[in-house]
Amino acid sequence: MSIKPFKSIGIGIAFSPNLKANLYEAARLSVFFQSKLFLIHVGEFSEDKIKALKVILNTFKKDHLDYEVVFKTGDPVEVILSTSKEKNIDLLILGAVQRERLLKYYVGSIARKITRQAACSVLLLIKPSVDRITCQHIVVNGLKHPKTEETIKAAFYVSHKLNSEKITIVEEIKEDQVSVKVEDDKSLRRANIIKERIKLRENSRIKEIISHIPEEHTKGKTIKLQPIFGKKGYSIGHYAQVSRADLLVMNAPSKMTFWDRLFPHDIEHILTELPTDVLILQ
């Protein structure tokens, strides 16, 4: 299976205090991935805006940054989604607050609305920075799912491009897979034996996936396999937070509805409170 690079990157921009930090993050990633960068602004065209963007991006002139500015009026969510489709954007970068207020979460912030509807991969940034902060530790989901192999391979590709030192693959395992009710020492031992067997099985599955990844993407990396028994989405988000991961990489869900937000599962647990920067891969 081939790893699909991000040939084009898009970012929604607003002329706000975070503009420079967001542009620097997007430009750096475009240089690392050798991608064309599309700057999507929801608003009217003006020469002053173009000039302001050129001044900020002048730093990346030496890196031969290839970028295009798109001006379009309308609803921010619709504009960013439609432009992403028109320009065949592979990766959409969005600034997002780490934690949404309850009402805003259910109604939907712009970043979260776009994330739920985007047909391309999405990178949610919670703390964009003008100065580069090295991405040292990447956590990626390793749950048993048809998309997982591509997700893990893409995580190693990203790690290679960003020169990350460590990747942890978290295998989330539902507690109900341990079909033993713990009532005494004997049943506890049985439950632990079953858990160890499941861990061995899951680790074997992940090692098989890793064996198909190009050596240049795994060489020199510290690779950790971390089986966790718990609720999908919540467990990996909590692990990424406590392990101070710089990036969490997840499968995009097949579909997300309003009811998924009322009864959160998988990716919705992550969107509720972002543990770190999150890359959601289509």
C-alpha atoms as a PDB file:
ATOM      1  CA  MET A   1       0.000   0.000   0.000  1.00  0.00           C
ATOM      2  CA  SER A   2       1.389   3.419  -0.950  1.00  0.00           C
ATOM      3  CA  ILE A   3       1.438   6.390   1.381  1.00  0.00           C
ATOM      4  CA  LYS A   4      -0.448   9.354  -0.042  1.00  0.00           C
ATOM      5  CA  PRO A   5       1.475  12.593   0.579  1.00  0.00           C
ATOM      6  CA  PHE A   6      -0.206  15.914   1.223  1.00  0.00           C
ATOM      7  CA  LYS A   7       0.234  17.504  -2.202  1.00  0.00           C
ATOM      8  CA  SER A   8      -1.881  20.503  -1.277  1.00  0.00           C
ATOM      9  CA  ILE A   9      -2.534  22.167   2.071  1.00  0.00           C
ATOM     10  CA  GLY A  10      -5.255  24.666   2.868  1.00  0.00           C
ATOM     11  CA  ILE A  11      -5.787  26.989   5.807  1.00  0.00           C
ATOM     12  CA  GLY A  12      -8.666  29.278   6.642  1.00  0.00           C
ATOM     13  CA  ILE A  13      -7.252  32.691   7.564  1.00  0.00           C
ATOM     14  CA  ALA A  14      -8.702  35.685   9.343  1.00  0.00           C
ATOM     15  CA  PHE A  15      -6.886  38.951   9.949  1.00  0.00           C
ATOM     16  CA  SER A  16      -6.767  38.382  13.688  1.00  0.00           C
ATOM     17  CA  PRO A  17      -3.980  38.425  16.310  1.00  0.00           C
ATOM     18  CA  ASN A  18      -3.254  34.739  15.485  1.00  0.00           C
ATOM     19  CA  LEU A  19      -2.746  35.382  11.759  1.00  0.00           C
ATOM     20  CA  LYS A  20       1.058  35.350  11.803  1.00  0.00           C
ATOM     21  CA  ALA A  21       1.302  32.222  13.971  1.00  0.00           C
ATOM     22  CA  ASN A  22      -1.249  30.351  11.832  1.00  0.00           C
ATOM     23  CA  LEU A  23       0.506  31.343   8.601  1.00  0.00           C
ATOM     24  CA  TYR A  24       3.914  30.310   9.940  1.00  0.00           C
ATOM     25  CA  GLU A  25       2.581  26.898  10.998  1.00  0.00           C
ATOM     26  CA  ALA A  26       0.908  26.329   7.622  1.00  0.00           C
ATOM     27  CA  ALA A  27       3.914  27.564   5.637  1.00  0.00           C
ATOM     28  CA  ARG A  28       6.340  25.364   7.595  1.00  0.00           C
ATOM     29  CA  LEU A  29       4.188  22.296   6.978  1.00  0.00           C
ATOM     30  CA  SER A  30       3.907  23.136   3.277  1.00  0.00           C
ATOM     31  CA  VAL A  31       7.695  23.331   3.074  1.00  0.00           C
ATOM     32  CA  PHE A  32       8.185  20.082   5.007  1.00  0.00           C
ATOM     33  CA  PHE A  33       5.672  18.211   2.842  1.00  0.00           C
ATOM     34  CA  GLN A  34       6.663  20.048  -0.358  1.00  0.00           C
ATOM     35  CA  SER A  35       3.014  21.023  -0.838  1.00  0.00           C
ATOM     36  CA  LYS A  36       1.218  23.942  -2.427  1.00  0.00           C
ATOM     37  CA  LEU A  37      -0.427  26.146   0.197  1.00  0.00           C
ATOM     38  CA  PHE A  38      -3.883  27.669  -0.292  1.00  0.00           C
ATOM     39  CA  LEU A  39      -4.800  30.589   1.986  1.00  0.00           C
ATOM     40  CA  ILE A  40      -8.586  30.769   2.207  1.00  0.00           C
ATOM     41  CA  HIS A  41      -9.998  34.090   3.373  1.00  0.00           C
ATOM     42  CA  VAL A  42     -13.726  34.537   3.890  1.00  0.00           C
ATOM     43  CA  GLY A  43     -14.106  38.119   2.790  1.00  0.00           C
ATOM     44  CA  GLU A  44     -13.583  40.658   0.014  1.00  0.00           C
ATOM     45  CA  PHE A  45     -10.344  40.949  -1.950  1.00  0.00           C
ATOM     46  CA  SER A  46      -8.096  43.902  -1.186  1.00  0.00           C
ATOM     47  CA  GLU A  47      -4.544  44.877  -2.091  1.00  0.00           C
ATOM     48  CA  ASP A  48      -3.836  45.727   1.550  1.00  0.00           C
ATOM     49  CA  LYS A  49      -4.668  42.166   2.602  1.00  0.00           C
ATOM     50  CA  ILE A  50      -2.433  40.724  -0.116  1.00  0.00           C
ATOM     51  CA  LYS A  51       0.388  43.031   0.973  1.00  0.00           C
ATOM     52  CA  ALA A  52      -0.008  42.002   4.633  1.00  0.00           C
ATOM     53  CA  LEU A  53       0.164  38.306   3.706  1.00  0.00           C
ATOM     54  CA  LYS A  54       3.245  38.839   1.532  1.00  0.00           C
ATOM     55  CA  VAL A  55       5.047  40.619   4.361  1.00  0.00           C
ATOM     56  CA  ILE A  56       4.406  37.720   6.756  1.00  0.00           C
ATOM     57  CA  LEU A  57       5.282  34.992   4.237  1.00  0.00           C
ATOM     58  CA  ASN A  58       8.409  36.745   2.998  1.00  0.00           C
ATOM     59  CA  THR A  59      10.335  34.687   5.588  1.00  0.00           C
ATOM     60  CA  PHE A  60       9.618  31.566   3.510  1.00  0.00           C
ATOM     61  CA  LYS A  61      10.726  33.042   0.193  1.00  0.00           C
ATOM     62  CA  LYS A  62      14.086  31.294   0.523  1.00  0.00           C
ATOM     63  CA  ASP A  63      12.221  27.976   0.903  1.00  0.00           C
ATOM     64  CA  HIS A  64      10.421  28.573  -2.421  1.00  0.00           C
ATOM     65  CA  LEU A  65       7.017  28.401  -0.751  1.00  0.00           C
ATOM     66  CA  ASP A  66       4.319  27.910  -3.386  1.00  0.00           C
ATOM     67  CA  TYR A  67       1.073  29.543  -2.265  1.00  0.00           C
ATOM     68  CA  GLU A  68      -2.185  30.958  -3.584  1.00  0.00           C
ATOM     69  CA  VAL A  69      -4.657  33.259  -1.847  1.00  0.00           C
ATOM     70  CA  VAL A  70      -8.375  32.584  -2.317  1.00  0.00           C
ATOM     71  CA  PHE A  71     -10.903  35.292  -1.453  1.00  0.00           C
ATOM     72  CA  LYS A  72     -14.547  34.304  -1.234  1.00  0.00           C
ATOM     73  CA  THR A  73     -17.538  35.771   0.598  1.00  0.00           C
ATOM     74  CA  GLY A  74     -20.239  33.743   2.302  1.00  0.00           C
ATOM     75  CA  ASP A  75     -20.728  31.444   5.256  1.00  0.00           C
ATOM     76  CA  PRO A  76     -17.267  30.536   6.654  1.00  0.00           C
ATOM     77  CA  VAL A  77     -17.994  26.819   6.910  1.00  0.00           C
ATOM     78  CA  GLU A  78     -19.414  26.593   3.383  1.00  0.00           C
ATOM     79  CA  VAL A  79     -16.637  28.734   1.892  1.00  0.00           C
ATOM     80  CA  ILE A  80     -13.812  26.694   3.422  1.00  0.00           C
ATOM     81  CA  LEU A  81     -15.429  23.349   2.567  1.00  0.00           C
ATOM     82  CA  SER A  82     -16.259  24.310  -1.028  1.00  0.00           C
ATOM     83  CA  THR A  83     -12.818  25.825  -1.647  1.00  0.00           C
ATOM     84  CA  SER A  84     -11.136  22.713  -0.249  1.00  0.00           C
ATOM     85  CA  LYS A  85     -13.083  20.652  -2.753  1.00  0.00           C
ATOM     86  CA  GLU A  86     -12.469  23.000  -5.695  1.00  0.00           C
ATOM     87  CA  LYS A  87      -8.716  23.167  -5.058  1.00  0.00           C
ATOM     88  CA  ASN A  88      -8.378  19.426  -4.310  1.00  0.00           C
ATOM     89  CA  ILE A  89      -6.874  20.162  -0.905  1.00  0.00           C
ATOM     90  CA  ASP A  90      -5.465  17.074   0.844  1.00  0.00           C
ATOM     91  CA  LEU A  91      -4.915  18.618   4.277  1.00  0.00           C
ATOM     92  CA  LEU A  92      -6.944  21.424   5.833  1.00  0.00           C
ATOM     93  CA  ILE A  93      -5.429  23.297   8.791  1.00  0.00           C
ATOM     94  CA  LEU A  94      -7.798  24.877  11.304  1.00  0.00           C
ATOM     95  CA  GLY A  95      -7.167  26.856  14.448  1.00  0.00           C
ATOM     96  CA  ALA A  96      -9.284  25.532  17.310  1.00  0.00           C
ATOM     97  CA  VAL A  97      -9.803  26.338  20.960  1.00  0.00           C
ATOM     98  CA  GLN A  98      -8.799  23.494  23.255  1.00  0.00           C
ATOM     99  CA  ARG A  99     -12.121  23.283  25.075  1.00  0.00           C
ATOM    100  CA  GLU A 100     -15.521  24.446  23.867  1.00  0.00           C
ATOM    101  CA  ARG A 101     -18.254  25.741  26.125  1.00  0.00           C
ATOM    102  CA  LEU A 102     -21.051  23.165  26.369  1.00  0.00           C
ATOM    103  CA  LEU A 103     -23.603  25.125  24.303  1.00  0.00           C
ATOM    104  CA  LYS A 104     -21.069  26.085  21.636  1.00  0.00           C
ATOM    105  CA  TYR A 105     -19.909  22.468  21.385  1.00  0.00           C
ATOM    106  CA  TYR A 106     -23.405  21.136  20.684  1.00  0.00           C
ATOM    107  CA  VAL A 107     -24.298  23.965  18.296  1.00  0.00           C
ATOM    108  CA  GLY A 108     -20.835  23.668  16.740  1.00  0.00           C
ATOM    109  CA  SER A 109     -17.877  26.020  16.427  1.00  0.00           C
ATOM    110  CA  ILE A 110     -16.577  26.768  12.928  1.00  0.00           C
ATOM    111  CA  ALA A 111     -13.534  24.484  13.326  1.00  0.00           C
ATOM    112  CA  ARG A 112     -15.553  21.563  14.655  1.00  0.00           C
ATOM    113  CA  LYS A 113     -18.309  21.987  12.045  1.00  0.00           C
ATOM    114  CA  ILE A 114     -15.722  21.879   9.266  1.00  0.00           C
ATOM    115  CA  THR A 115     -13.983  18.884  10.847  1.00  0.00           C
ATOM    116  CA  ARG A 116     -17.225  16.909  10.870  1.00  0.00           C
ATOM    117  CA  GLN A 117     -17.982  17.660   7.213  1.00  0.00           C
ATOM    118  CA  ALA A 118     -14.578  17.858   5.503  1.00  0.00           C
ATOM    119  CA  ALA A 119     -13.818  15.307   2.782  1.00  0.00           C
ATOM    120  CA  CYS A 120     -10.070  15.797   3.267  1.00  0.00           C
ATOM    121  CA  SER A 121      -7.757  15.282   6.231  1.00  0.00           C
ATOM    122  CA  VAL A 122      -7.901  17.965   8.933  1.00  0.00           C
ATOM    123  CA  LEU A 123      -5.235  19.279  11.308  1.00  0.00           C
ATOM    124  CA  LEU A 124      -6.592  21.072  14.378  1.00  0.00           C
ATOM    125  CA  LEU A 125      -4.057  23.437  15.951  1.00  0.00           C
ATOM    126  CA  ILE A 126      -4.673  24.558  19.522  1.00  0.00           C
ATOM    127  CA  LYS A 127      -1.484  26.570  20.089  1.00  0.00           C
ATOM    128  CA  PRO A 128      -0.044  27.875  16.803  1.00  0.00           C
ATOM    129  CA  SER A 129       3.398  29.428  17.151  1.00  0.00           C
ATOM    130  CA  VAL A 130       5.581  31.742  15.099  1.00  0.00           C
ATOM    131  CA  ASP A 131       8.667  29.954  16.415  1.00  0.00           C
ATOM    132  CA  ARG A 132       8.808  26.296  15.505  1.00  0.00           C
ATOM    133  CA  ILE A 133       8.109  23.909  18.378  1.00  0.00           C
ATOM    134  CA  THR A 134       9.554  20.528  17.440  1.00  0.00           C
ATOM    135  CA  CYS A 135       7.052  17.704  17.183  1.00  0.00           C
ATOM    136  CA  GLN A 136       8.886  15.108  19.255  1.00  0.00           C
ATOM    137  CA  HIS A 137       6.162  12.610  20.174  1.00  0.00           C
ATOM    138  CA  ILE A 138       3.288  11.431  17.965  1.00  0.00           C
ATOM    139  CA  VAL A 139       0.458   9.254  19.263  1.00  0.00           C
ATOM    140  CA  VAL A 140      -1.597   7.364  16.675  1.00  0.00           C
ATOM    141  CA  ASN A 141      -4.627   5.136  17.049  1.00  0.00           C
ATOM    142  CA  GLY A 142      -4.102   1.439  16.392  1.00  0.00           C
ATOM    143  CA  LEU A 143      -7.637   0.168  16.914  1.00  0.00           C
ATOM    144  CA  LYS A 144      -8.827  -2.679  14.718  1.00  0.00           C
ATOM    145  CA  HIS A 145     -10.448  -0.841  11.812  1.00  0.00           C
ATOM    146  CA  PRO A 146     -10.228  -0.926   7.985  1.00  0.00           C
ATOM    147  CA  LYS A 147      -8.633   2.562   7.946  1.00  0.00           C
ATOM    148  CA  THR A 148      -6.061   1.916  10.650  1.00  0.00           C
ATOM    149  CA  GLU A 149      -3.231   0.538   8.509  1.00  0.00           C
ATOM    150  CA  GLU A 150      -3.266   3.622   6.271  1.00  0.00           C
ATOM    151  CA  THR A 151      -3.505   5.872   9.331  1.00  0.00           C
ATOM    152  CA  ILE A 152      -0.461   4.300  10.991  1.00  0.00           C
ATOM    153  CA  LYS A 153       1.542   4.471   7.759  1.00  0.00           C
ATOM    154  CA  ALA A 154       0.582   8.131   7.324  1.00  0.00           C
ATOM    155  CA  ALA A 155       1.605   8.856  10.931  1.00  0.00           C
ATOM    156  CA  PHE A 156       5.073   7.437  10.226  1.00  0.00           C
ATOM    157  CA  TYR A 157       5.231   9.506   7.029  1.00  0.00           C
ATOM    158  CA  VAL A 158       4.362  12.662   8.997  1.00  0.00           C
ATOM    159  CA  SER A 159       6.872  11.712  11.696  1.00  0.00           C
ATOM    160  CA  HIS A 160       9.568  11.288   9.048  1.00  0.00           C
ATOM    161  CA  LYS A 161       8.835  14.691   7.496  1.00  0.00           C
ATOM    162  CA  LEU A 162       8.708  16.456  10.871  1.00  0.00           C
ATOM    163  CA  ASN A 163      11.752  14.559  12.187  1.00  0.00           C
ATOM    164  CA  SER A 164       9.895  13.294  15.261  1.00  0.00           C
ATOM    165  CA  GLU A 165      11.739  11.031  17.654  1.00  0.00           C
ATOM    166  CA  LYS A 166       8.947   8.868  19.054  1.00  0.00           C
ATOM    167  CA  ILE A 167       5.704   7.252  17.912  1.00  0.00           C
ATOM    168  CA  THR A 168       3.275   5.511  20.251  1.00  0.00           C
ATOM    169  CA  ILE A 169       0.582   3.330  18.719  1.00  0.00           C
ATOM    170  CA  VAL A 170      -2.372   3.076  21.082  1.00  0.00           C
ATOM    171  CA  GLU A 171      -4.575   0.018  20.691  1.00  0.00           C
ATOM    172  CA  GLU A 172      -7.905   0.809  22.345  1.00  0.00           C
ATOM    173  CA  ILE A 173      -9.591  -2.362  23.531  1.00  0.00           C
ATOM    174  CA  LYS A 174     -13.159  -2.494  24.804  1.00  0.00           C
ATOM    175  CA  GLU A 175     -13.483  -3.772  28.364  1.00  0.00           C
ATOM    176  CA  ASP A 176     -16.276  -6.119  27.280  1.00  0.00           C
ATOM    177  CA  GLN A 177     -13.696  -8.207  25.397  1.00  0.00           C
ATOM    178  CA  VAL A 178     -12.671  -9.524  28.817  1.00  0.00           C
ATOM    179  CA  SER A 179     -15.718 -11.713  29.429  1.00  0.00           C
ATOM    180  CA  VAL A 180     -14.906 -12.507  33.057  1.00  0.00           C
ATOM    181  CA  LYS A 181     -16.683 -11.010  36.037  1.00  0.00           C
ATOM    182  CA  VAL A 182     -14.051 -10.346  38.707  1.00  0.00           C
ATOM    183  CA  GLU A 183     -15.395 -11.564  42.045  1.00  0.00           C
ATOM    184  CA  ASP A 184     -12.366 -13.148  43.719  1.00  0.00           C
ATOM    185  CA  ASP A 185      -8.641 -13.811  43.256  1.00  0.00           C
ATOM    186  CA  LYS A 186      -9.274 -16.702  40.885  1.00  0.00           C
ATOM    187  CA  SER A 187     -11.492 -14.698  38.523  1.00  0.00           C
ATOM    188  CA  LEU A 188      -9.037 -11.774  38.715  1.00  0.00           C
ATOM    189  CA  ARG A 189      -6.207 -14.050  37.554  1.00  0.00           C
ATOM    190  CA  ARG A 190      -8.403 -15.310  34.703  1.00  0.00           C
ATOM    191  CA  ALA A 191      -9.231 -11.761  33.665  1.00  0.00           C
ATOM    192  CA  ASN A 192      -5.556 -10.784  33.698  1.00  0.00           C
ATOM    193  CA  ILE A 193      -4.607 -13.814  31.603  1.00  0.00           C
ATOM    194  CA  ILE A 194      -7.277 -12.924  29.032  1.00  0.00           C
ATOM    195  CA  LYS A 195      -6.040  -9.320  28.955  1.00  0.00           C
ATOM    196  CA  GLU A 196      -2.458 -10.434  28.354  1.00  0.00           C
ATOM    197  CA  ARG A 197      -3.565 -12.696  25.496  1.00  0.00           C
ATOM    198  CA  ILE A 198      -5.508  -9.824  23.917  1.00  0.00           C
ATOM    199  CA  LYS A 199      -2.490  -7.519  24.294  1.00  0.00           C
ATOM    200  CA  LEU A 200      -0.223 -10.070  22.590  1.00  0.00           C
ATOM    201  CA  ARG A 201      -2.719 -10.490  19.770  1.00  0.00           C
ATOM    202  CA  GLU A 202      -3.087  -6.743  19.273  1.00  0.00           C
ATOM    203  CA  ASN A 203       0.669  -6.153  19.394  1.00  0.00           C
ATOM    204  CA  SER A 204       1.183  -8.862  16.790  1.00  0.00           C
ATOM    205  CA  ARG A 205      -1.377  -7.168  14.509  1.00  0.00           C
ATOM    206  CA  ILE A 206       0.346  -3.784  14.845  1.00  0.00           C
ATOM    207  CA  LYS A 207       3.828  -5.240  14.291  1.00  0.00           C
ATOM    208  CA  GLU A 208       2.569  -6.750  11.042  1.00  0.00           C
ATOM    209  CA  ILE A 209       1.394  -3.311   9.898  1.00  0.00           C
ATOM    210  CA  ILE A 210       4.723  -1.711  10.853  1.00  0.00           C
ATOM    211  CA  SER A 211       6.617  -4.359   8.868  1.00  0.00           C
ATOM    212  CA  HIS A 212       5.075  -2.937   5.656  1.00  0.00           C
ATOM    213  CA  ILE A 213       6.176   0.653   6.340  1.00  0.00           C
ATOM    214  CA  PRO A 214       9.226   1.928   4.380  1.00  0.00           C
ATOM    215  CA  GLU A 215      12.399   1.640   6.461  1.00  0.00           C
ATOM    216  CA  GLU A 216      13.257   5.309   5.913  1.00  0.00           C
ATOM    217  CA  HIS A 217      10.097   6.225   7.842  1.00  0.00           C
ATOM    218  CA  THR A 218      10.831   3.949  10.824  1.00  0.00           C
ATOM    219  CA  LYS A 219      14.616   4.254  11.056  1.00  0.00           C
ATOM    220  CA  GLY A 220      15.838   5.948  14.221  1.00  0.00           C
ATOM    221  CA  LYS A 221      12.350   6.183  15.723  1.00  0.00           C
ATOM    222  CA  THR A 222      11.422   5.024  19.198  1.00  0.00           C
ATOM    223  CA  ILE A 223       8.294   2.940  18.571  1.00  0.00           C
ATOM    224  CA  LYS A 224       6.032   2.017  21.466  1.00  0.00           C
ATOM    225  CA  LEU A 225       2.933  -0.193  21.411  1.00  0.00           C
ATOM    226  CA  GLN A 226       0.406   0.717  24.096  1.00  0.00           C
ATOM    227  CA  PRO A 227      -2.713  -1.439  24.523  1.00  0.00           C
ATOM    228  CA  ILE A 228      -5.366   0.319  26.636  1.00  0.00           C
ATOM    229  CA  PHE A 229      -8.626  -1.133  27.926  1.00  0.00           C
ATOM    230  CA  GLY A 230     -11.336   1.526  27.952  1.00  0.00           C
ATOM    231  CA  LYS A 231     -13.748   3.687  25.968  1.00  0.00           C
ATOM    232  CA  LYS A 232     -12.696   4.386  22.387  1.00  0.00           C
ATOM    233  CA  GLY A 233     -11.725   7.994  21.746  1.00  0.00           C
ATOM    234  CA  TYR A 234     -11.656   8.962  25.402  1.00  0.00           C
ATOM    235  CA  SER A 235      -8.824   6.538  26.281  1.00  0.00           C
ATOM    236  CA  ILE A 236      -6.450   7.626  23.518  1.00  0.00           C
ATOM    237  CA  GLY A 237      -7.222  11.305  24.124  1.00  0.00           C
ATOM    238  CA  HIS A 238      -6.415  10.917  27.821  1.00  0.00           C
ATOM    239  CA  TYR A 239      -3.219   9.005  26.991  1.00  0.00           C
ATOM    240  CA  ALA A 240      -2.092  11.700  24.528  1.00  0.00           C
ATOM    241  CA  GLN A 241      -2.655  14.321  27.210  1.00  0.00           C
ATOM    242  CA  VAL A 242      -0.852  12.593  30.086  1.00  0.00           C
ATOM    243  CA  SER A 243       2.055  11.516  27.866  1.00  0.00           C
ATOM    244  CA  ARG A 244       2.357  15.120  26.623  1.00  0.00           C
ATOM    245  CA  ALA A 245       2.196  14.113  22.972  1.00  0.00           C
ATOM    246  CA  ASP A 246       2.773  16.877  20.446  1.00  0.00           C
ATOM    247  CA  LEU A 247       0.376  15.396  17.897  1.00  0.00           C
ATOM    248  CA  LEU A 248      -2.489  12.907  18.007  1.00  0.00           C
ATOM    249  CA  VAL A 249      -3.289  11.121  14.735  1.00  0.00           C
ATOM    250  CA  MET A 250      -6.728   9.551  14.305  1.00  0.00           C
ATOM    251  CA  ASN A 251      -8.880   7.840  11.651  1.00  0.00           C
ATOM    252  CA  ALA A 252     -11.674  10.001  10.298  1.00  0.00           C
ATOM    253  CA  PRO A 253     -15.042   8.443  11.207  1.00  0.00           C
ATOM    254  CA  SER A 254     -17.321   7.163   8.463  1.00  0.00           C
ATOM    255  CA  LYS A 255     -19.918   9.784   9.358  1.00  0.00           C
ATOM    256  CA  MET A 256     -20.845  12.055  12.242  1.00  0.00           C
ATOM    257  CA  THR A 257     -24.313  13.291  13.087  1.00  0.00           C
ATOM    258  CA  PHE A 258     -25.907  15.479  15.742  1.00  0.00           C
ATOM    259  CA  TRP A 259     -26.777  12.337  17.673  1.00  0.00           C
ATOM    260  CA  ASP A 260     -23.090  11.413  17.806  1.00  0.00           C
ATOM    261  CA  ARG A 261     -22.536  14.628  19.746  1.00  0.00           C
ATOM    262  CA  LEU A 262     -25.398  13.907  22.134  1.00  0.00           C
ATOM    263  CA  PHE A 263     -23.989  10.422  22.752  1.00  0.00           C
ATOM    264  CA  PRO A 264     -20.258  10.978  22.078  1.00  0.00           C
ATOM    265  CA  HIS A 265     -18.067   8.197  20.781  1.00  0.00           C
ATOM    266  CA  ASP A 266     -14.644   7.817  19.148  1.00  0.00           C
ATOM    267  CA  ILE A 267     -13.600  11.105  17.523  1.00  0.00           C
ATOM    268  CA  GLU A 268     -16.324  13.099  19.315  1.00  0.00           C
ATOM    269  CA  HIS A 269     -14.555  12.485  22.636  1.00  0.00           C
ATOM    270  CA  ILE A 270     -11.454  14.075  21.098  1.00  0.00           C
ATOM    271  CA  LEU A 271     -13.392  17.054  19.695  1.00  0.00           C
ATOM    272  CA  THR A 272     -14.987  17.736  23.080  1.00  0.00           C
ATOM    273  CA  GLU A 273     -11.627  18.624  24.618  1.00  0.00           C
ATOM    274  CA  LEU A 274      -8.621  18.560  22.318  1.00  0.00           C
ATOM    275  CA  PRO A 275      -5.689  16.983  24.227  1.00  0.00           C
ATOM    276  CA  THR A 276      -3.078  18.399  21.837  1.00  0.00           C
ATOM    277  CA  ASP A 277      -2.866  19.200  18.131  1.00  0.00           C
ATOM    278  CA  VAL A 278      -4.982  16.601  16.329  1.00  0.00           C
ATOM    279  CA  LEU A 279      -4.592  15.242  12.789  1.00  0.00           C
ATOM    280  CA  ILE A 280      -7.708  13.459  11.508  1.00  0.00           C
ATOM    281  CA  LEU A 281      -6.951  11.419   8.394  1.00  0.00           C
ATOM    282  CA  GLN A 282      -9.428  10.597   5.665  1.00  0.00           C
END
